[in-house]
Amino acid sequence: MSTSSVVPIGQPLPGASFRQAVGRFFRGYVTFSGRASLSEFWWAMLFTFLVSLVVQIPFWVVWAAFMVQVIAAASSTGSGIETSVDPATLALSGGMLATIGIMLIVSLALALPTYAAMWRRLQDASFHGAFALLSLIGVGIVPLVMSVFPSNPAGIRFDPAYRAQMAP
C-alpha cells in the first residue's frame, strides 16, 4: 500500500512525488476542504504548466505561419489591403481557431482542480482558501506568493476531521 493511498485527499502529503501529486491533483478535483503540502501543490502546478505549454505550441506555430502569410500578402499588393482571401491564409486562420478551442477546453478542464489545489495549499499555510479567488480579479500573484509560505500547524483548523471534533 503506497503512502498516497493512506493519506486521504485534503490531508497534506509532505514530500509527495510528481506522480503522487498529479494523482492527488485529479482525485481532489473539487475538494476544497482540508490542506495540501508544498510539494503536492507545486508538482501539480508544474504539471498544469507543462500541459498548457504543450497545448500552446501548435497555436504559436500556426500563428507564426499565419503572420508570414499576411506579411507576404501585404508586401505583394503594395498597399497592404488585400481584396481577396488567399486559401492558405484562410486555412491558417481556421487552424488558429481550432488550436484556440483546444486551449480553451484544456484551460477549463484544469481550472477547477487548480483552484481546489490552491485553496487547500493556502489552508495548509493557515490562510483562508478563498484568497485563491483573487486571481479571478487580476491579483493572481497574491495567492501564488501566499502558496510559497511553509506549512503552519494552525492550518489544522481547516481539516474536516478537526472541525467535526471541535463542533460538539
Protein backbone atom coordinates (compact mmCIF):
# COMPACT_ATOMS: atom_id res chain seq x y z
CA MET A 1 0.00 0.00 0.00
CA SER A 2 1.50 3.33 -1.04
CA THR A 3 1.70 6.41 1.14
CA SER A 4 -0.59 8.42 -1.14
CA SER A 5 -3.39 5.84 -0.77
CA VAL A 6 -3.11 6.01 3.05
CA VAL A 7 -3.23 9.81 3.23
CA PRO A 8 -6.70 10.98 2.11
CA ILE A 9 -7.22 13.94 -0.19
CA GLY A 10 -7.45 17.02 1.99
CA GLN A 11 -4.68 15.86 4.29
CA PRO A 12 -1.20 17.16 3.39
CA LEU A 13 1.28 14.68 1.91
CA PRO A 14 4.73 16.14 2.63
CA GLY A 15 7.43 15.05 0.19
CA ALA A 16 4.93 13.96 -2.47
CA SER A 17 6.48 12.78 -5.72
CA PHE A 18 5.45 14.21 -9.07
CA ARG A 19 3.29 11.18 -9.81
CA GLN A 20 1.62 11.22 -6.39
CA ALA A 21 0.96 14.95 -6.60
CA VAL A 22 -0.63 14.74 -10.06
CA GLY A 23 -2.75 11.78 -8.98
CA ARG A 24 -3.95 13.63 -5.89
CA PHE A 25 -4.49 16.76 -8.01
CA PHE A 26 -7.06 14.94 -10.16
CA ARG A 27 -8.57 12.86 -7.36
CA GLY A 28 -9.16 16.08 -5.39
CA TYR A 29 -10.78 17.69 -8.43
CA VAL A 30 -13.41 19.51 -6.38
CA THR A 31 -12.13 19.02 -2.83
CA PHE A 32 -11.89 22.48 -1.33
CA SER A 33 -11.71 21.33 2.29
CA GLY A 34 -8.54 20.24 4.01
CA ARG A 35 -4.95 21.01 3.16
CA ALA A 36 -2.22 20.31 0.57
CA SER A 37 1.53 20.23 1.19
CA LEU A 38 4.06 22.40 -0.63
CA SER A 39 5.36 19.52 -2.75
CA GLU A 40 1.87 18.33 -3.58
CA PHE A 41 0.84 21.79 -4.77
CA TRP A 42 3.97 22.78 -6.70
CA TRP A 43 4.30 19.44 -8.53
CA ALA A 44 0.67 19.82 -9.61
CA MET A 45 1.33 23.39 -10.77
CA LEU A 46 4.35 22.20 -12.78
CA PHE A 47 2.10 19.60 -14.41
CA THR A 48 -0.52 22.20 -15.35
CA PHE A 49 2.20 24.49 -16.73
CA LEU A 50 3.66 21.70 -18.88
CA VAL A 51 0.23 20.67 -20.18
CA SER A 52 -0.57 24.30 -21.02
CA LEU A 53 2.78 24.69 -22.76
CA VAL A 54 2.28 21.56 -24.87
CA VAL A 55 -1.20 22.74 -25.87
CA GLN A 56 0.06 26.22 -26.78
CA ILE A 57 2.93 25.11 -29.04
CA PRO A 58 0.68 24.27 -32.04
CA PHE A 59 -1.08 27.63 -31.68
CA TRP A 60 2.18 29.59 -31.83
CA VAL A 61 3.40 27.57 -34.82
CA VAL A 62 0.17 28.24 -36.71
CA TRP A 63 0.21 31.89 -35.61
CA ALA A 64 3.77 32.36 -36.94
CA ALA A 65 2.83 30.78 -40.28
CA PHE A 66 -0.29 32.97 -40.43
CA MET A 67 1.75 36.12 -39.81
CA VAL A 68 4.26 35.15 -42.50
CA GLN A 69 1.35 34.65 -44.91
CA VAL A 70 -0.21 38.01 -44.01
CA ILE A 71 3.09 39.85 -44.38
CA ALA A 72 3.73 38.16 -47.73
CA ALA A 73 0.25 39.11 -48.94
CA ALA A 74 0.66 42.71 -47.79
CA SER A 75 4.04 43.09 -49.45
CA SER A 76 2.84 41.58 -52.75
CA THR A 77 -0.01 44.07 -53.14
CA GLY A 78 1.99 47.07 -52.04
CA SER A 79 -0.98 48.83 -50.47
CA GLY A 80 -1.32 46.42 -47.55
CA ILE A 81 -5.01 45.86 -48.31
CA GLU A 82 -5.94 42.51 -49.79
CA THR A 83 -9.19 42.40 -51.71
CA SER A 84 -9.41 38.61 -51.99
CA VAL A 85 -8.78 35.98 -49.32
CA ASP A 86 -5.93 33.61 -50.02
CA PRO A 87 -6.97 29.97 -49.33
CA ALA A 88 -3.75 29.33 -47.39
CA THR A 89 -4.43 32.30 -45.12
CA LEU A 90 -7.99 31.14 -44.61
CA ALA A 91 -6.78 27.63 -43.71
CA LEU A 92 -4.26 29.04 -41.24
CA SER A 93 -6.90 31.22 -39.59
CA GLY A 94 -9.09 28.12 -39.21
CA GLY A 95 -6.13 26.30 -37.67
CA MET A 96 -5.67 29.15 -35.22
CA LEU A 97 -9.33 28.96 -34.23
CA ALA A 98 -9.06 25.20 -33.73
CA THR A 99 -5.99 25.49 -31.52
CA ILE A 100 -7.63 28.29 -29.53
CA GLY A 101 -10.61 25.99 -28.99
CA ILE A 102 -8.33 23.21 -27.75
CA MET A 103 -6.52 25.62 -25.43
CA LEU A 104 -9.87 26.80 -24.05
CA ILE A 105 -11.05 23.24 -23.39
CA VAL A 106 -7.80 22.29 -21.63
CA SER A 107 -7.83 25.52 -19.59
CA LEU A 108 -11.39 24.93 -18.46
CA ALA A 109 -10.62 21.30 -17.60
CA LEU A 110 -7.66 22.33 -15.43
CA ALA A 111 -9.23 25.41 -13.82
CA LEU A 112 -11.32 23.75 -11.11
CA PRO A 113 -8.66 21.32 -9.84
CA THR A 114 -6.11 24.15 -9.89
CA TYR A 115 -8.33 26.33 -7.71
CA ALA A 116 -9.06 23.38 -5.41
CA ALA A 117 -5.35 22.60 -5.00
CA MET A 118 -4.50 26.26 -4.36
CA TRP A 119 -7.39 26.52 -1.89
CA ARG A 120 -6.05 23.52 0.06
CA ARG A 121 -2.46 24.82 -0.16
CA LEU A 122 -3.45 28.20 1.29
CA GLN A 123 -5.27 26.48 4.12
CA ASP A 124 -2.14 24.42 4.89
CA ALA A 125 -0.24 27.71 5.21
CA SER A 126 -3.03 28.83 7.62
CA PHE A 127 -4.66 31.32 5.23
CA HIS A 128 -8.27 31.05 4.19
CA GLY A 129 -8.61 29.26 0.87
CA ALA A 130 -10.83 32.00 -0.53
CA PHE A 131 -7.68 34.03 -1.20
CA ALA A 132 -7.25 31.78 -4.26
CA LEU A 133 -10.16 33.63 -5.84
CA LEU A 134 -8.09 36.82 -6.01
CA SER A 135 -6.71 35.51 -9.29
CA LEU A 136 -10.19 35.92 -10.79
CA ILE A 137 -9.98 39.70 -10.36
CA GLY A 138 -6.44 40.04 -11.69
CA VAL A 139 -4.45 39.86 -8.46
CA GLY A 140 -3.21 36.30 -9.02
CA ILE A 141 0.27 36.99 -7.71
CA VAL A 142 -1.07 37.36 -4.13
CA PRO A 143 -2.31 33.77 -3.67
CA LEU A 144 0.71 32.49 -5.58
CA VAL A 145 3.07 34.21 -3.13
CA MET A 146 0.94 33.01 -0.22
CA SER A 147 1.31 29.44 -1.55
CA VAL A 148 5.07 29.66 -1.00
CA PHE A 149 4.67 30.00 2.77
CA PRO A 150 5.58 26.85 4.71
CA SER A 151 3.01 24.60 6.32
CA ASN A 152 1.61 26.03 9.53
CA PRO A 153 0.29 23.79 12.33
CA ALA A 154 -2.57 26.27 12.82
CA GLY A 155 -3.85 25.20 9.38
CA ILE A 156 -5.33 22.10 11.03
CA ARG A 157 -8.40 24.22 11.77
CA PHE A 158 -9.37 23.76 8.11
CA ASP A 159 -9.38 19.94 8.31
CA PRO A 160 -12.88 18.43 8.24
CA ALA A 161 -11.99 15.86 10.93
CA TYR A 162 -10.70 18.61 13.24
CA ARG A 163 -13.85 20.68 12.66
CA ALA A 164 -16.05 17.68 13.41
CA GLN A 165 -14.11 17.01 16.61
CA MET A 166 -14.32 20.63 17.75
CA ALA A 167 -18.03 21.08 16.85
CA PRO A 168 -19.57 19.49 19.99
